[in-house]
Every structure is written in structure tokens, then in C-alpha cells.
Amino acid sequence: MPEYQLDPRLGVHREINIPPESAYLGLGWDDGPDTKRRHYRRYYNKELENVIEIMPRPSPFTSFDIMRGQSRGAKANWWPFKAAAK
């Protein structure tokens, strides 16, 4: 949420401590310092799964290695009968 301070020269509230535009996107607007409609959305330039402050380690998701066929130790062919030659 934005912070406001009264500008004594002009007698209006001005936003202070504005975050950098390269990392935050400003959304909404405020008619006064108490409206609370304006807020900022943080921008991350990599996947959220790889941002430690968003997704803690260890990951809360279950993951499995997917293996098929002989890479998991299976026989070459599971069908017990040989295919008939045509």
C-alpha cells in the first residue's frame, strides 16, 4: 500500500517511498490518503517456483521421475506370444 505525506507548500498529500517501476506495477488510485484503493503488484522476472521467498524449500508439491520402458527395468516385450509372421 502506498504511504502519503502532506506537502506543506501546496497543502496536498503526496505519495512517498514509491517502489521502483522496474519491480512493481502500480494499480488503482486514491482520492485521499485514507481511500486505500491504490496498491502495488510485485513483478518477478523468473518463474515463481524458482523464487525462494515465494516458494519455500523443500517444495510443498510432490514430484515423481517419469520413466518408460527399459529405462525403468522392464522386459523388452510384455506380450508372451510372438507375433505371427505374415
Protein backbone atom coordinates (compact mmCIF):
# COMPACT_ATOMS: atom_id res chain seq x y z
CA MET A 1 0.00 0.00 0.00
CA PRO A 2 1.28 3.50 -0.71
CA GLU A 3 2.32 5.94 2.01
CA TYR A 4 1.36 9.61 1.88
CA GLN A 5 2.84 12.74 3.40
CA LEU A 6 1.38 16.23 3.45
CA ASP A 7 3.26 18.66 1.20
CA PRO A 8 3.21 21.88 3.32
CA ARG A 9 3.92 24.16 0.36
CA LEU A 10 0.97 23.00 -1.74
CA GLY A 11 -1.25 21.66 1.05
CA VAL A 12 -1.81 18.28 -0.68
CA HIS A 13 -0.84 14.72 0.16
CA ARG A 14 1.96 13.27 -1.96
CA GLU A 15 2.98 9.64 -2.21
CA ILE A 16 6.36 8.85 -0.59
CA ASN A 17 8.61 5.78 -0.75
CA ILE A 18 7.42 4.85 -4.23
CA PRO A 19 8.83 1.44 -5.23
CA PRO A 20 10.91 1.19 -8.43
CA GLU A 21 8.89 0.79 -11.62
CA SER A 22 11.20 -1.99 -12.80
CA ALA A 23 9.99 -4.31 -9.98
CA TYR A 24 6.47 -3.07 -9.11
CA LEU A 25 3.34 -2.21 -11.05
CA GLY A 26 1.05 0.44 -9.58
CA LEU A 27 -2.66 -0.43 -9.65
CA GLY A 28 -5.72 1.62 -8.70
CA TRP A 29 -5.83 5.18 -7.43
CA ASP A 30 -6.51 7.06 -4.20
CA ASP A 31 -8.62 10.20 -3.88
CA GLY A 32 -7.03 10.84 -0.48
CA PRO A 33 -4.62 9.18 1.94
CA ASP A 34 -7.40 7.10 3.55
CA THR A 35 -9.09 5.70 0.42
CA LYS A 36 -6.89 2.55 0.23
CA ARG A 37 -7.69 1.70 -3.40
CA ARG A 38 -4.18 2.09 -4.76
CA HIS A 39 -1.76 -0.79 -4.30
CA TYR A 40 1.32 -2.28 -5.93
CA ARG A 41 1.87 -5.64 -7.51
CA ARG A 42 5.40 -7.08 -7.39
CA TYR A 43 6.97 -8.27 -10.64
CA TYR A 44 9.36 -11.25 -10.65
CA ASN A 45 11.49 -11.88 -13.73
CA LYS A 46 11.74 -15.66 -13.22
CA GLU A 47 9.28 -18.47 -12.52
CA LEU A 48 7.61 -18.25 -9.10
CA GLU A 49 8.62 -21.86 -8.38
CA ASN A 50 12.25 -20.68 -8.50
CA VAL A 51 11.79 -17.66 -6.19
CA ILE A 52 12.72 -18.77 -2.66
CA GLU A 53 10.72 -16.02 -0.90
CA ILE A 54 7.53 -17.18 -2.68
CA MET A 55 8.03 -20.96 -2.79
CA PRO A 56 10.00 -22.23 0.22
CA ARG A 57 12.30 -25.23 0.11
CA PRO A 58 11.54 -28.09 0.21
CA SER A 59 8.75 -27.68 -2.30
CA PRO A 60 5.23 -28.32 -0.98
CA PHE A 61 4.43 -30.22 -4.18
CA THR A 62 5.07 -33.91 -4.70
CA SER A 63 7.19 -34.71 -7.73
CA PHE A 64 7.99 -38.02 -9.39
CA ASP A 65 10.51 -39.04 -12.02
CA ILE A 66 8.70 -40.45 -15.05
CA MET A 67 10.41 -43.40 -16.70
CA ARG A 68 9.14 -45.60 -19.53
CA GLY A 69 10.08 -48.97 -20.94
CA GLN A 70 13.56 -50.35 -20.42
CA SER A 71 14.75 -47.25 -18.55
CA ARG A 72 12.68 -48.44 -15.56
CA GLY A 73 13.91 -52.04 -15.83
CA ALA A 74 11.02 -53.61 -17.78
CA LYS A 75 11.46 -56.52 -20.16
CA ALA A 76 11.69 -55.80 -23.88
CA ASN A 77 8.16 -57.10 -24.54
CA TRP A 78 5.44 -57.89 -22.04
CA TRP A 79 3.32 -59.88 -24.55
CA PRO A 80 4.10 -63.61 -24.03
CA PHE A 81 3.18 -64.71 -27.62
CA LYS A 82 5.28 -63.94 -30.66
CA ALA A 83 3.60 -62.04 -33.43
CA ALA A 84 2.62 -64.22 -36.36
CA ALA A 85 4.67 -63.59 -39.48
CA LYS A 86 2.62 -62.54 -42.49
